[in-house]
Amino acid sequence: MITIIGTFQASLEAEKKT
């Protein structure tokens, strides 16, 4: 439970940072 969550969280954080 780190690949899906990692990608999902990375996408959310990346969108929030931009």
C-alpha atoms as a PDB file:
ATOM      1  CA  MET A   1       0.000   0.000   0.000  1.00  0.00           C
ATOM      2  CA  ILE A   2       2.647   2.480  -1.053  1.00  0.00           C
ATOM      3  CA  THR A   3       2.632   2.413  -4.847  1.00  0.00           C
ATOM      4  CA  ILE A   4      -0.974   3.482  -5.345  1.00  0.00           C
ATOM      5  CA  ILE A   5      -0.984   5.864  -2.381  1.00  0.00           C
ATOM      6  CA  GLY A   6       2.410   7.226  -3.375  1.00  0.00           C
ATOM      7  CA  THR A   7       1.294   8.017  -6.900  1.00  0.00           C
ATOM      8  CA  PHE A   8      -2.050   9.383  -5.745  1.00  0.00           C
ATOM      9  CA  GLN A   9      -0.530  11.579  -3.049  1.00  0.00           C
ATOM     10  CA  ALA A  10       2.254  12.718  -5.404  1.00  0.00           C
ATOM     11  CA  SER A  11      -0.335  13.783  -7.992  1.00  0.00           C
ATOM     12  CA  LEU A  12      -2.381  15.652  -5.386  1.00  0.00           C
ATOM     13  CA  GLU A  13       0.651  17.362  -3.867  1.00  0.00           C
ATOM     14  CA  ALA A  14       1.991  18.262  -7.304  1.00  0.00           C
ATOM     15  CA  GLU A  15      -1.317  19.832  -8.297  1.00  0.00           C
ATOM     16  CA  LYS A  16      -1.601  21.709  -5.013  1.00  0.00           C
ATOM     17  CA  LYS A  17       1.968  23.012  -5.279  1.00  0.00           C
ATOM     18  CA  THR A  18       1.471  24.405  -8.765  1.00  0.00           C
END
